[in-house]
Amino acid sequence: MFAEAIYNLVHNALRYTESGGHVGLIVDGTDVIVWDTGMGVCDEEKRIIWHDAVRGSNVDVESDGIGLAVARNAVYSANEIVAMCSPLPVTIDPRPADKRDMPGALFRLTFPRASFETVDS
């Protein structure tokens, strides 16, 4: 399920970022961050984009609108966290300030920390 969640976020980032834009994937401990310099998510839609069959109003790409819902469900089923922000934080955005014509977005998945037991032989 986690692989499906990551796949959907990367797929969306690639789909909604124009040619010449940037898409990135960062793995930091139990966090996986997918970011892009695409069209972003407007404030009014940040809560509803996680629901089935919902697409942002600024989307002109053919889509059934389930990618973020699948990602959310995969993470929630493991009692973990999914978060997003748009516009893309300046600390991650690789574009010069005068080239930030699209707001971009960042999605963070936090997965469970694996626990291992020592087995005596």
PDB file of N, CA and C in Angstrom:
ATOM      1  N   MET A   1       0.809  -1.204   0.000  1.00  0.00           N
ATOM      2  CA  MET A   1       0.000   0.000   0.000  1.00  0.00           C
ATOM      3  C   MET A   1       0.852   1.268   0.000  1.00  0.00           C
ATOM      4  N   PHE A   2       1.987   1.225   0.705  1.00  0.00           N
ATOM      5  CA  PHE A   2       2.827   2.416   0.763  1.00  0.00           C
ATOM      6  C   PHE A   2       3.393   2.740  -0.617  1.00  0.00           C
ATOM      7  N   ALA A   3       3.789   1.697  -1.346  1.00  0.00           N
ATOM      8  CA  ALA A   3       4.325   1.920  -2.694  1.00  0.00           C
ATOM      9  C   ALA A   3       3.272   2.560  -3.587  1.00  0.00           C
ATOM     10  N   GLU A   4       2.025   2.137  -3.443  1.00  0.00           N
ATOM     11  CA  GLU A   4       0.935   2.709  -4.234  1.00  0.00           C
ATOM     12  C   GLU A   4       0.724   4.191  -3.886  1.00  0.00           C
ATOM     13  N   ALA A   5       0.826   4.514  -2.621  1.00  0.00           N
ATOM     14  CA  ALA A   5       0.669   5.909  -2.191  1.00  0.00           C
ATOM     15  C   ALA A   5       1.776   6.774  -2.805  1.00  0.00           C
ATOM     16  N   ILE A   6       3.016   6.310  -2.732  1.00  0.00           N
ATOM     17  CA  ILE A   6       4.135   7.062  -3.302  1.00  0.00           C
ATOM     18  C   ILE A   6       3.976   7.177  -4.818  1.00  0.00           C
ATOM     19  N   TYR A   7       3.604   6.067  -5.453  1.00  0.00           N
ATOM     20  CA  TYR A   7       3.401   6.084  -6.910  1.00  0.00           C
ATOM     21  C   TYR A   7       2.371   7.143  -7.298  1.00  0.00           C
ATOM     22  N   ASN A   8       1.250   7.190  -6.598  1.00  0.00           N
ATOM     23  CA  ASN A   8       0.196   8.146  -6.940  1.00  0.00           C
ATOM     24  C   ASN A   8       0.649   9.595  -6.758  1.00  0.00           C
ATOM     25  N   LEU A   9       1.412   9.871  -5.724  1.00  0.00           N
ATOM     26  CA  LEU A   9       1.900  11.234  -5.531  1.00  0.00           C
ATOM     27  C   LEU A   9       2.899  11.635  -6.614  1.00  0.00           C
ATOM     28  N   VAL A  10       3.808  10.726  -6.957  1.00  0.00           N
ATOM     29  CA  VAL A  10       4.781  11.028  -8.017  1.00  0.00           C
ATOM     30  C   VAL A  10       4.063  11.162  -9.361  1.00  0.00           C
ATOM     31  N   HIS A  11       3.120  10.270  -9.616  1.00  0.00           N
ATOM     32  CA  HIS A  11       2.350  10.328 -10.869  1.00  0.00           C
ATOM     33  C   HIS A  11       1.619  11.664 -10.990  1.00  0.00           C
ATOM     34  N   ASN A  12       0.966  12.095  -9.929  1.00  0.00           N
ATOM     35  CA  ASN A  12       0.273  13.389  -9.950  1.00  0.00           C
ATOM     36  C   ASN A  12       1.256  14.543 -10.165  1.00  0.00           C
ATOM     37  N   ALA A  13       2.389  14.496  -9.487  1.00  0.00           N
ATOM     38  CA  ALA A  13       3.384  15.564  -9.635  1.00  0.00           C
ATOM     39  C   ALA A  13       3.846  15.663 -11.088  1.00  0.00           C
ATOM     40  N   LEU A  14       4.105  14.536 -11.713  1.00  0.00           N
ATOM     41  CA  LEU A  14       4.529  14.538 -13.115  1.00  0.00           C
ATOM     42  C   LEU A  14       3.403  15.007 -14.032  1.00  0.00           C
ATOM     43  N   ARG A  15       2.203  14.576 -13.740  1.00  0.00           N
ATOM     44  CA  ARG A  15       1.046  14.913 -14.584  1.00  0.00           C
ATOM     45  C   ARG A  15       0.718  16.407 -14.547  1.00  0.00           C
ATOM     46  N   TYR A  16       0.837  17.025 -13.376  1.00  0.00           N
ATOM     47  CA  TYR A  16       0.388  18.408 -13.214  1.00  0.00           C
ATOM     48  C   TYR A  16       1.519  19.443 -13.217  1.00  0.00           C
ATOM     49  N   THR A  17       2.718  19.007 -13.604  1.00  0.00           N
ATOM     50  CA  THR A  17       3.837  19.932 -13.740  1.00  0.00           C
ATOM     51  C   THR A  17       4.135  20.100 -15.219  1.00  0.00           C
ATOM     52  N   GLU A  18       4.155  21.338 -15.666  1.00  0.00           N
ATOM     53  CA  GLU A  18       4.383  21.615 -17.081  1.00  0.00           C
ATOM     54  C   GLU A  18       5.799  21.249 -17.500  1.00  0.00           C
ATOM     55  N   SER A  19       5.986  21.072 -18.785  1.00  0.00           N
ATOM     56  CA  SER A  19       7.297  20.791 -19.359  1.00  0.00           C
ATOM     57  C   SER A  19       8.290  21.859 -18.902  1.00  0.00           C
ATOM     58  N   GLY A  20       9.464  21.413 -18.472  1.00  0.00           N
ATOM     59  CA  GLY A  20      10.477  22.338 -17.977  1.00  0.00           C
ATOM     60  C   GLY A  20      10.391  22.569 -16.478  1.00  0.00           C
ATOM     61  N   GLY A  21       9.324  22.062 -15.829  1.00  0.00           N
ATOM     62  CA  GLY A  21       9.169  22.202 -14.387  1.00  0.00           C
ATOM     63  C   GLY A  21      10.017  21.174 -13.652  1.00  0.00           C
ATOM     64  N   HIS A  22       9.886  21.152 -12.335  1.00  0.00           N
ATOM     65  CA  HIS A  22      10.689  20.259 -11.506  1.00  0.00           C
ATOM     66  C   HIS A  22       9.773  19.389 -10.649  1.00  0.00           C
ATOM     67  N   VAL A  23      10.184  18.131 -10.462  1.00  0.00           N
ATOM     68  CA  VAL A  23       9.521  17.191  -9.564  1.00  0.00           C
ATOM     69  C   VAL A  23      10.617  16.552  -8.732  1.00  0.00           C
ATOM     70  N   GLY A  24      10.385  16.419  -7.440  1.00  0.00           N
ATOM     71  CA  GLY A  24      11.408  15.835  -6.583  1.00  0.00           C
ATOM     72  C   GLY A  24      10.835  14.832  -5.602  1.00  0.00           C
ATOM     73  N   LEU A  25      11.687  13.933  -5.141  1.00  0.00           N
ATOM     74  CA  LEU A  25      11.335  12.922  -4.149  1.00  0.00           C
ATOM     75  C   LEU A  25      12.442  12.941  -3.097  1.00  0.00           C
ATOM     76  N   ILE A  26      12.046  13.109  -1.845  1.00  0.00           N
ATOM     77  CA  ILE A  26      12.997  13.134  -0.737  1.00  0.00           C
ATOM     78  C   ILE A  26      12.584  12.057   0.258  1.00  0.00           C
ATOM     79  N   VAL A  27      13.525  11.235   0.670  1.00  0.00           N
ATOM     80  CA  VAL A  27      13.269  10.243   1.719  1.00  0.00           C
ATOM     81  C   VAL A  27      14.120  10.653   2.908  1.00  0.00           C
ATOM     82  N   ASP A  28      13.449  10.876   4.043  1.00  0.00           N
ATOM     83  CA  ASP A  28      14.125  11.346   5.246  1.00  0.00           C
ATOM     84  C   ASP A  28      13.595  10.554   6.434  1.00  0.00           C
ATOM     85  N   GLY A  29      14.308   9.528   6.814  1.00  0.00           N
ATOM     86  CA  GLY A  29      13.835   8.669   7.906  1.00  0.00           C
ATOM     87  C   GLY A  29      12.554   7.967   7.505  1.00  0.00           C
ATOM     88  N   THR A  30      11.475   8.227   8.225  1.00  0.00           N
ATOM     89  CA  THR A  30      10.193   7.605   7.898  1.00  0.00           C
ATOM     90  C   THR A  30       9.306   8.520   7.064  1.00  0.00           C
ATOM     91  N   ASP A  31       9.830   9.662   6.647  1.00  0.00           N
ATOM     92  CA  ASP A  31       9.073  10.592   5.794  1.00  0.00           C
ATOM     93  C   ASP A  31       9.455  10.419   4.333  1.00  0.00           C
ATOM     94  N   VAL A  32       8.449  10.445   3.480  1.00  0.00           N
ATOM     95  CA  VAL A  32       8.657  10.501   2.036  1.00  0.00           C
ATOM     96  C   VAL A  32       7.977  11.777   1.567  1.00  0.00           C
ATOM     97  N   ILE A  33       8.740  12.637   0.907  1.00  0.00           N
ATOM     98  CA  ILE A  33       8.231  13.927   0.442  1.00  0.00           C
ATOM     99  C   ILE A  33       8.272  13.955  -1.075  1.00  0.00           C
ATOM    100  N   VAL A  34       7.143  14.270  -1.682  1.00  0.00           N
ATOM    101  CA  VAL A  34       7.062  14.451  -3.126  1.00  0.00           C
ATOM    102  C   VAL A  34       6.693  15.908  -3.356  1.00  0.00           C
ATOM    103  N   TRP A  35       7.482  16.610  -4.169  1.00  0.00           N
ATOM    104  CA  TRP A  35       7.201  18.017  -4.420  1.00  0.00           C
ATOM    105  C   TRP A  35       7.274  18.286  -5.916  1.00  0.00           C
ATOM    106  N   ASP A  36       6.608  19.371  -6.313  1.00  0.00           N
ATOM    107  CA  ASP A  36       6.641  19.759  -7.722  1.00  0.00           C
ATOM    108  C   ASP A  36       6.487  21.271  -7.849  1.00  0.00           C
ATOM    109  N   THR A  37       6.806  21.765  -9.032  1.00  0.00           N
ATOM    110  CA  THR A  37       6.668  23.190  -9.319  1.00  0.00           C
ATOM    111  C   THR A  37       5.484  23.417 -10.261  1.00  0.00           C
ATOM    112  N   GLY A  38       4.476  22.584 -10.129  1.00  0.00           N
ATOM    113  CA  GLY A  38       3.290  22.674 -10.986  1.00  0.00           C
ATOM    114  C   GLY A  38       2.278  23.697 -10.513  1.00  0.00           C
ATOM    115  N   MET A  39       1.023  23.462 -10.867  1.00  0.00           N
ATOM    116  CA  MET A  39      -0.046  24.441 -10.647  1.00  0.00           C
ATOM    117  C   MET A  39      -0.460  24.600  -9.193  1.00  0.00           C
ATOM    118  N   GLY A  40      -0.064  23.682  -8.323  1.00  0.00           N
ATOM    119  CA  GLY A  40      -0.390  23.822  -6.910  1.00  0.00           C
ATOM    120  C   GLY A  40      -1.856  23.551  -6.612  1.00  0.00           C
ATOM    121  N   VAL A  41      -2.244  23.832  -5.387  1.00  0.00           N
ATOM    122  CA  VAL A  41      -3.612  23.616  -4.913  1.00  0.00           C
ATOM    123  C   VAL A  41      -4.080  24.908  -4.264  1.00  0.00           C
ATOM    124  N   CYS A  42      -5.235  25.413  -4.705  1.00  0.00           N
ATOM    125  CA  CYS A  42      -5.737  26.658  -4.117  1.00  0.00           C
ATOM    126  C   CYS A  42      -6.245  26.401  -2.694  1.00  0.00           C
ATOM    127  N   ASP A  43      -6.220  27.420  -1.865  1.00  0.00           N
ATOM    128  CA  ASP A  43      -6.591  27.286  -0.453  1.00  0.00           C
ATOM    129  C   ASP A  43      -7.972  26.676  -0.255  1.00  0.00           C
ATOM    130  N   GLU A  44      -8.934  27.067  -1.071  1.00  0.00           N
ATOM    131  CA  GLU A  44     -10.310  26.582  -0.911  1.00  0.00           C
ATOM    132  C   GLU A  44     -10.438  25.079  -1.148  1.00  0.00           C
ATOM    133  N   GLU A  45      -9.490  24.479  -1.839  1.00  0.00           N
ATOM    134  CA  GLU A  45      -9.608  23.061  -2.211  1.00  0.00           C
ATOM    135  C   GLU A  45      -8.664  22.140  -1.448  1.00  0.00           C
ATOM    136  N   LYS A  46      -7.863  22.678  -0.543  1.00  0.00           N
ATOM    137  CA  LYS A  46      -6.876  21.865   0.157  1.00  0.00           C
ATOM    138  C   LYS A  46      -7.498  20.749   0.996  1.00  0.00           C
ATOM    139  N   ARG A  47      -8.700  20.957   1.496  1.00  0.00           N
ATOM    140  CA  ARG A  47      -9.344  19.918   2.308  1.00  0.00           C
ATOM    141  C   ARG A  47     -10.087  18.889   1.454  1.00  0.00           C
ATOM    142  N   ILE A  48     -10.628  19.300   0.326  1.00  0.00           N
ATOM    143  CA  ILE A  48     -11.468  18.375  -0.449  1.00  0.00           C
ATOM    144  C   ILE A  48     -10.706  17.535  -1.466  1.00  0.00           C
ATOM    145  N   ILE A  49      -9.480  17.921  -1.816  1.00  0.00           N
ATOM    146  CA  ILE A  49      -8.762  17.159  -2.842  1.00  0.00           C
ATOM    147  C   ILE A  49      -8.428  15.740  -2.406  1.00  0.00           C
ATOM    148  N   TRP A  50      -8.547  15.451  -1.122  1.00  0.00           N
ATOM    149  CA  TRP A  50      -8.247  14.110  -0.607  1.00  0.00           C
ATOM    150  C   TRP A  50      -9.412  13.141  -0.786  1.00  0.00           C
ATOM    151  N   HIS A  51     -10.568  13.620  -1.218  1.00  0.00           N
ATOM    152  CA  HIS A  51     -11.756  12.770  -1.376  1.00  0.00           C
ATOM    153  C   HIS A  51     -11.776  12.105  -2.746  1.00  0.00           C
ATOM    154  N   ASP A  52     -12.488  10.981  -2.831  1.00  0.00           N
ATOM    155  CA  ASP A  52     -12.612  10.250  -4.104  1.00  0.00           C
ATOM    156  C   ASP A  52     -13.246  11.120  -5.175  1.00  0.00           C
ATOM    157  N   ALA A  53     -12.737  10.995  -6.391  1.00  0.00           N
ATOM    158  CA  ALA A  53     -13.292  11.637  -7.592  1.00  0.00           C
ATOM    159  C   ALA A  53     -13.332  13.165  -7.496  1.00  0.00           C
ATOM    160  N   VAL A  54     -12.382  13.756  -6.771  1.00  0.00           N
ATOM    161  CA  VAL A  54     -12.298  15.215  -6.677  1.00  0.00           C
ATOM    162  C   VAL A  54     -11.013  15.652  -7.361  1.00  0.00           C
ATOM    163  N   ARG A  55     -11.155  16.630  -8.236  1.00  0.00           N
ATOM    164  CA  ARG A  55     -10.008  17.236  -8.903  1.00  0.00           C
ATOM    165  C   ARG A  55     -10.040  18.729  -8.635  1.00  0.00           C
ATOM    166  N   GLY A  56      -8.886  19.339  -8.617  1.00  0.00           N
ATOM    167  CA  GLY A  56      -8.833  20.777  -8.415  1.00  0.00           C
ATOM    168  C   GLY A  56      -9.497  21.516  -9.563  1.00  0.00           C
ATOM    169  N   SER A  57     -10.037  22.675  -9.278  1.00  0.00           N
ATOM    170  CA  SER A  57     -10.736  23.447 -10.304  1.00  0.00           C
ATOM    171  C   SER A  57      -9.779  23.999 -11.356  1.00  0.00           C
ATOM    172  N   ASN A  58      -8.494  24.077 -11.045  1.00  0.00           N
ATOM    173  CA  ASN A  58      -7.522  24.588 -12.005  1.00  0.00           C
ATOM    174  C   ASN A  58      -6.910  23.491 -12.876  1.00  0.00           C
ATOM    175  N   VAL A  59      -7.477  22.281 -12.813  1.00  0.00           N
ATOM    176  CA  VAL A  59      -6.941  21.136 -13.540  1.00  0.00           C
ATOM    177  C   VAL A  59      -7.604  21.025 -14.902  1.00  0.00           C
ATOM    178  N   ASP A  60      -6.781  20.964 -15.939  1.00  0.00           N
ATOM    179  CA  ASP A  60      -7.320  20.748 -17.277  1.00  0.00           C
ATOM    180  C   ASP A  60      -6.774  19.460 -17.887  1.00  0.00           C
ATOM    181  N   VAL A  61      -6.324  18.552 -17.021  1.00  0.00           N
ATOM    182  CA  VAL A  61      -5.772  17.269 -17.437  1.00  0.00           C
ATOM    183  C   VAL A  61      -6.845  16.202 -17.248  1.00  0.00           C
ATOM    184  N   GLU A  62      -6.945  15.276 -18.185  1.00  0.00           N
ATOM    185  CA  GLU A  62      -7.887  14.161 -18.097  1.00  0.00           C
ATOM    186  C   GLU A  62      -7.520  13.294 -16.885  1.00  0.00           C
ATOM    187  N   SER A  63      -8.455  13.096 -15.967  1.00  0.00           N
ATOM    188  CA  SER A  63      -8.171  12.348 -14.742  1.00  0.00           C
ATOM    189  C   SER A  63      -9.473  11.942 -14.070  1.00  0.00           C
ATOM    190  N   ASP A  64      -9.437  10.827 -13.319  1.00  0.00           N
ATOM    191  CA  ASP A  64     -10.624  10.403 -12.573  1.00  0.00           C
ATOM    192  C   ASP A  64     -10.618  10.934 -11.142  1.00  0.00           C
ATOM    193  N   GLY A  65      -9.528  11.577 -10.720  1.00  0.00           N
ATOM    194  CA  GLY A  65      -9.486  12.237  -9.430  1.00  0.00           C
ATOM    195  C   GLY A  65      -9.386  11.330  -8.224  1.00  0.00           C
ATOM    196  N   ILE A  66      -8.741  10.166  -8.362  1.00  0.00           N
ATOM    197  CA  ILE A  66      -8.637   9.272  -7.205  1.00  0.00           C
ATOM    198  C   ILE A  66      -7.217   9.123  -6.661  1.00  0.00           C
ATOM    199  N   GLY A  67      -6.222   9.710  -7.311  1.00  0.00           N
ATOM    200  CA  GLY A  67      -4.828   9.534  -6.897  1.00  0.00           C
ATOM    201  C   GLY A  67      -4.545   9.944  -5.471  1.00  0.00           C
ATOM    202  N   LEU A  68      -4.997  11.125  -5.072  1.00  0.00           N
ATOM    203  CA  LEU A  68      -4.747  11.580  -3.699  1.00  0.00           C
ATOM    204  C   LEU A  68      -5.580  10.804  -2.688  1.00  0.00           C
ATOM    205  N   ALA A  69      -6.780  10.392  -3.068  1.00  0.00           N
ATOM    206  CA  ALA A  69      -7.613   9.581  -2.170  1.00  0.00           C
ATOM    207  C   ALA A  69      -6.947   8.233  -1.904  1.00  0.00           C
ATOM    208  N   VAL A  70      -6.370   7.628  -2.933  1.00  0.00           N
ATOM    209  CA  VAL A  70      -5.660   6.354  -2.761  1.00  0.00           C
ATOM    210  C   VAL A  70      -4.461   6.541  -1.839  1.00  0.00           C
ATOM    211  N   ALA A  71      -3.703   7.611  -2.040  1.00  0.00           N
ATOM    212  CA  ALA A  71      -2.546   7.882  -1.184  1.00  0.00           C
ATOM    213  C   ALA A  71      -2.991   8.079   0.264  1.00  0.00           C
ATOM    214  N   ARG A  72      -4.037   8.881   0.458  1.00  0.00           N
ATOM    215  CA  ARG A  72      -4.544   9.131   1.813  1.00  0.00           C
ATOM    216  C   ARG A  72      -5.000   7.833   2.473  1.00  0.00           C
ATOM    217  N   ASN A  73      -5.753   7.022   1.751  1.00  0.00           N
ATOM    218  CA  ASN A  73      -6.271   5.778   2.325  1.00  0.00           C
ATOM    219  C   ASN A  73      -5.156   4.807   2.684  1.00  0.00           C
ATOM    220  N   ALA A  74      -4.121   4.720   1.863  1.00  0.00           N
ATOM    221  CA  ALA A  74      -3.005   3.822   2.151  1.00  0.00           C
ATOM    222  C   ALA A  74      -2.304   4.225   3.434  1.00  0.00           C
ATOM    223  N   VAL A  75      -2.121   5.509   3.618  1.00  0.00           N
ATOM    224  CA  VAL A  75      -1.416   5.990   4.801  1.00  0.00           C
ATOM    225  C   VAL A  75      -2.313   5.931   6.029  1.00  0.00           C
ATOM    226  N   TYR A  76      -3.568   6.326   5.902  1.00  0.00           N
ATOM    227  CA  TYR A  76      -4.480   6.297   7.039  1.00  0.00           C
ATOM    228  C   TYR A  76      -4.721   4.885   7.540  1.00  0.00           C
ATOM    229  N   SER A  77      -4.712   3.898   6.638  1.00  0.00           N
ATOM    230  CA  SER A  77      -4.948   2.525   7.068  1.00  0.00           C
ATOM    231  C   SER A  77      -3.829   2.039   7.987  1.00  0.00           C
ATOM    232  N   ALA A  78      -2.679   2.677   7.925  1.00  0.00           N
ATOM    233  CA  ALA A  78      -1.562   2.328   8.805  1.00  0.00           C
ATOM    234  C   ALA A  78      -1.453   3.312   9.970  1.00  0.00           C
ATOM    235  N   ASN A  79      -2.496   4.139  10.163  1.00  0.00           N
ATOM    236  CA  ASN A  79      -2.506   5.137  11.229  1.00  0.00           C
ATOM    237  C   ASN A  79      -1.317   6.081  11.156  1.00  0.00           C
ATOM    238  N   GLU A  80      -0.971   6.470   9.963  1.00  0.00           N
ATOM    239  CA  GLU A  80       0.151   7.370   9.776  1.00  0.00           C
ATOM    240  C   GLU A  80      -0.344   8.704   9.236  1.00  0.00           C
ATOM    241  N   ILE A  81       0.558   9.564   8.835  1.00  0.00           N
ATOM    242  CA  ILE A  81       0.229  10.952   8.526  1.00  0.00           C
ATOM    243  C   ILE A  81       0.462  11.256   7.050  1.00  0.00           C
ATOM    244  N   VAL A  82      -0.453  12.020   6.482  1.00  0.00           N
ATOM    245  CA  VAL A  82      -0.251  12.580   5.155  1.00  0.00           C
ATOM    246  C   VAL A  82      -0.507  14.078   5.273  1.00  0.00           C
ATOM    247  N   ALA A  83       0.351  14.870   4.688  1.00  0.00           N
ATOM    248  CA  ALA A  83       0.216  16.323   4.788  1.00  0.00           C
ATOM    249  C   ALA A  83       0.594  16.945   3.456  1.00  0.00           C
ATOM    250  N   MET A  84       0.107  18.163   3.217  1.00  0.00           N
ATOM    251  CA  MET A  84       0.471  18.859   1.990  1.00  0.00           C
ATOM    252  C   MET A  84       0.571  20.338   2.262  1.00  0.00           C
ATOM    253  N   CYS A  85       1.319  21.021   1.399  1.00  0.00           N
ATOM    254  CA  CYS A  85       1.328  22.473   1.438  1.00  0.00           C
ATOM    255  C   CYS A  85       1.498  22.995   0.015  1.00  0.00           C
ATOM    256  N   SER A  86       0.882  24.105  -0.232  1.00  0.00           N
ATOM    257  CA  SER A  86       0.985  24.786  -1.518  1.00  0.00           C
ATOM    258  C   SER A  86       0.764  26.259  -1.215  1.00  0.00           C
ATOM    259  N   PRO A  87       1.632  27.145  -1.600  1.00  0.00           N
ATOM    260  CA  PRO A  87       2.737  26.950  -2.524  1.00  0.00           C
ATOM    261  C   PRO A  87       3.906  26.174  -1.924  1.00  0.00           C
ATOM    262  N   LEU A  88       4.783  25.740  -2.817  1.00  0.00           N
ATOM    263  CA  LEU A  88       5.981  25.009  -2.444  1.00  0.00           C
ATOM    264  C   LEU A  88       6.863  25.879  -1.554  1.00  0.00           C
ATOM    265  N   PRO A  89       7.349  25.341  -0.421  1.00  0.00           N
ATOM    266  CA  PRO A  89       8.231  26.135   0.453  1.00  0.00           C
ATOM    267  C   PRO A  89       9.483  26.613  -0.283  1.00  0.00           C
ATOM    268  N   VAL A  90       9.885  27.824  -0.031  1.00  0.00           N
ATOM    269  CA  VAL A  90      11.050  28.430  -0.683  1.00  0.00           C
ATOM    270  C   VAL A  90      12.309  27.614  -0.422  1.00  0.00           C
ATOM    271  N   THR A  91      12.387  26.965   0.727  1.00  0.00           N
ATOM    272  CA  THR A  91      13.591  26.197   1.074  1.00  0.00           C
ATOM    273  C   THR A  91      13.787  24.984   0.168  1.00  0.00           C
ATOM    274  N   ILE A  92      12.730  24.555  -0.526  1.00  0.00           N
ATOM    275  CA  ILE A  92      12.829  23.395  -1.421  1.00  0.00           C
ATOM    276  C   ILE A  92      12.784  23.821  -2.882  1.00  0.00           C
ATOM    277  N   ASP A  93      12.103  24.885  -3.176  1.00  0.00           N
ATOM    278  CA  ASP A  93      11.892  25.328  -4.561  1.00  0.00           C
ATOM    279  C   ASP A  93      13.232  25.642  -5.242  1.00  0.00           C
ATOM    280  N   PRO A  94      13.553  24.924  -6.321  1.00  0.00           N
ATOM    281  CA  PRO A  94      14.841  25.150  -6.983  1.00  0.00           C
ATOM    282  C   PRO A  94      14.854  26.346  -7.938  1.00  0.00           C
ATOM    283  N   ARG A  95      13.686  26.945  -8.169  1.00  0.00           N
ATOM    284  CA  ARG A  95      13.591  28.042  -9.140  1.00  0.00           C
ATOM    285  C   ARG A  95      14.024  29.365  -8.521  1.00  0.00           C
ATOM    286  N   PRO A  96      14.638  30.226  -9.345  1.00  0.00           N
ATOM    287  CA  PRO A  96      14.930  31.583  -8.858  1.00  0.00           C
ATOM    288  C   PRO A  96      13.613  32.300  -8.549  1.00  0.00           C
ATOM    289  N   ALA A  97      13.636  33.221  -7.623  1.00  0.00           N
ATOM    290  CA  ALA A  97      12.418  33.914  -7.180  1.00  0.00           C
ATOM    291  C   ALA A  97      11.636  34.522  -8.337  1.00  0.00           C
ATOM    292  N   ASP A  98      12.300  35.028  -9.347  1.00  0.00           N
ATOM    293  CA  ASP A  98      11.585  35.664 -10.456  1.00  0.00           C
ATOM    294  C   ASP A  98      11.018  34.667 -11.469  1.00  0.00           C
ATOM    295  N   LYS A  99      11.228  33.379 -11.246  1.00  0.00           N
ATOM    296  CA  LYS A  99      10.729  32.337 -12.158  1.00  0.00           C
ATOM    297  C   LYS A  99       9.645  31.468 -11.521  1.00  0.00           C
ATOM    298  N   ARG A 100       9.098  31.897 -10.401  1.00  0.00           N
ATOM    299  CA  ARG A 100       8.092  31.102  -9.689  1.00  0.00           C
ATOM    300  C   ARG A 100       6.686  31.500 -10.126  1.00  0.00           C
ATOM    301  N   ASP A 101       6.381  31.233 -11.401  1.00  0.00           N
ATOM    302  CA  ASP A 101       5.078  31.596 -11.944  1.00  0.00           C
ATOM    303  C   ASP A 101       3.978  30.626 -11.531  1.00  0.00           C
ATOM    304  N   MET A 102       4.318  29.402 -11.169  1.00  0.00           N
ATOM    305  CA  MET A 102       3.362  28.414 -10.684  1.00  0.00           C
ATOM    306  C   MET A 102       3.660  28.166  -9.205  1.00  0.00           C
ATOM    307  N   PRO A 103       2.623  27.958  -8.373  1.00  0.00           N
ATOM    308  CA  PRO A 103       2.862  27.840  -6.933  1.00  0.00           C
ATOM    309  C   PRO A 103       3.534  26.546  -6.490  1.00  0.00           C
ATOM    310  N   GLY A 104       3.298  25.444  -7.214  1.00  0.00           N
ATOM    311  CA  GLY A 104       3.865  24.170  -6.798  1.00  0.00           C
ATOM    312  C   GLY A 104       3.161  23.602  -5.575  1.00  0.00           C
ATOM    313  N   ALA A 105       3.600  22.414  -5.169  1.00  0.00           N
ATOM    314  CA  ALA A 105       3.002  21.751  -4.012  1.00  0.00           C
ATOM    315  C   ALA A 105       4.003  20.765  -3.417  1.00  0.00           C
ATOM    316  N   LEU A 106       3.776  20.421  -2.169  1.00  0.00           N
ATOM    317  CA  LEU A 106       4.592  19.447  -1.465  1.00  0.00           C
ATOM    318  C   LEU A 106       3.654  18.526  -0.704  1.00  0.00           C
ATOM    319  N   PHE A 107       3.868  17.220  -0.838  1.00  0.00           N
ATOM    320  CA  PHE A 107       3.086  16.217  -0.116  1.00  0.00           C
ATOM    321  C   PHE A 107       4.047  15.375   0.702  1.00  0.00           C
ATOM    322  N   ARG A 108       3.736  15.191   1.975  1.00  0.00           N
ATOM    323  CA  ARG A 108       4.597  14.413   2.867  1.00  0.00           C
ATOM    324  C   ARG A 108       3.824  13.230   3.423  1.00  0.00           C
ATOM    325  N   LEU A 109       4.394  12.043   3.278  1.00  0.00           N
ATOM    326  CA  LEU A 109       3.840  10.827   3.877  1.00  0.00           C
ATOM    327  C   LEU A 109       4.779  10.417   5.005  1.00  0.00           C
ATOM    328  N   THR A 110       4.221  10.130   6.153  1.00  0.00           N
ATOM    329  CA  THR A 110       5.024   9.640   7.272  1.00  0.00           C
ATOM    330  C   THR A 110       4.598   8.206   7.542  1.00  0.00           C
ATOM    331  N   PHE A 111       5.534   7.302   7.409  1.00  0.00           N
ATOM    332  CA  PHE A 111       5.258   5.872   7.536  1.00  0.00           C
ATOM    333  C   PHE A 111       5.660   5.362   8.912  1.00  0.00           C
ATOM    334  N   PRO A 112       5.124   4.198   9.275  1.00  0.00           N
ATOM    335  CA  PRO A 112       5.475   3.640  10.587  1.00  0.00           C
ATOM    336  C   PRO A 112       6.957   3.285  10.648  1.00  0.00           C
ATOM    337  N   ARG A 113       7.504   3.485  11.797  1.00  0.00           N
ATOM    338  CA  ARG A 113       8.907   3.107  12.013  1.00  0.00           C
ATOM    339  C   ARG A 113       8.944   1.596  12.233  1.00  0.00           C
ATOM    340  N   ALA A 114       9.807   0.940  11.496  1.00  0.00           N
ATOM    341  CA  ALA A 114       9.933  -0.516  11.641  1.00  0.00           C
ATOM    342  C   ALA A 114      10.573  -0.851  12.986  1.00  0.00           C
ATOM    343  N   SER A 115      10.107  -1.915  13.575  1.00  0.00           N
ATOM    344  CA  SER A 115      10.731  -2.340  14.821  1.00  0.00           C
ATOM    345  C   SER A 115      11.269  -3.764  14.609  1.00  0.00           C
ATOM    346  N   PHE A 116      12.428  -4.004  15.143  1.00  0.00           N
ATOM    347  CA  PHE A 116      13.057  -5.292  14.966  1.00  0.00           C
ATOM    348  C   PHE A 116      13.355  -5.884  16.338  1.00  0.00           C
ATOM    349  N   GLU A 117      13.193  -7.191  16.407  1.00  0.00           N
ATOM    350  CA  GLU A 117      13.520  -7.880  17.641  1.00  0.00           C
ATOM    351  C   GLU A 117      14.760  -8.706  17.416  1.00  0.00           C
ATOM    352  N   THR A 118      15.581  -8.801  18.441  1.00  0.00           N
ATOM    353  CA  THR A 118      16.768  -9.647  18.372  1.00  0.00           C
ATOM    354  C   THR A 118      16.352 -11.072  18.688  1.00  0.00           C
ATOM    355  N   VAL A 119      16.803 -11.982  17.864  1.00  0.00           N
ATOM    356  CA  VAL A 119      16.469 -13.384  18.067  1.00  0.00           C
ATOM    357  C   VAL A 119      17.739 -14.112  18.497  1.00  0.00           C
ATOM    358  N   ASP A 120      17.677 -14.778  19.649  1.00  0.00           N
ATOM    359  CA  ASP A 120      18.828 -15.556  20.101  1.00  0.00           C
ATOM    360  C   ASP A 120      18.853 -16.888  19.365  1.00  0.00           C
ATOM    361  N   SER A 121      20.040 -17.285  18.941  1.00  0.00           N
ATOM    362  CA  SER A 121      20.140 -18.564  18.226  1.00  0.00           C
ATOM    363  C   SER A 121      20.733 -19.631  19.078  1.00  0.00           C
TER     364      SER A 121
END
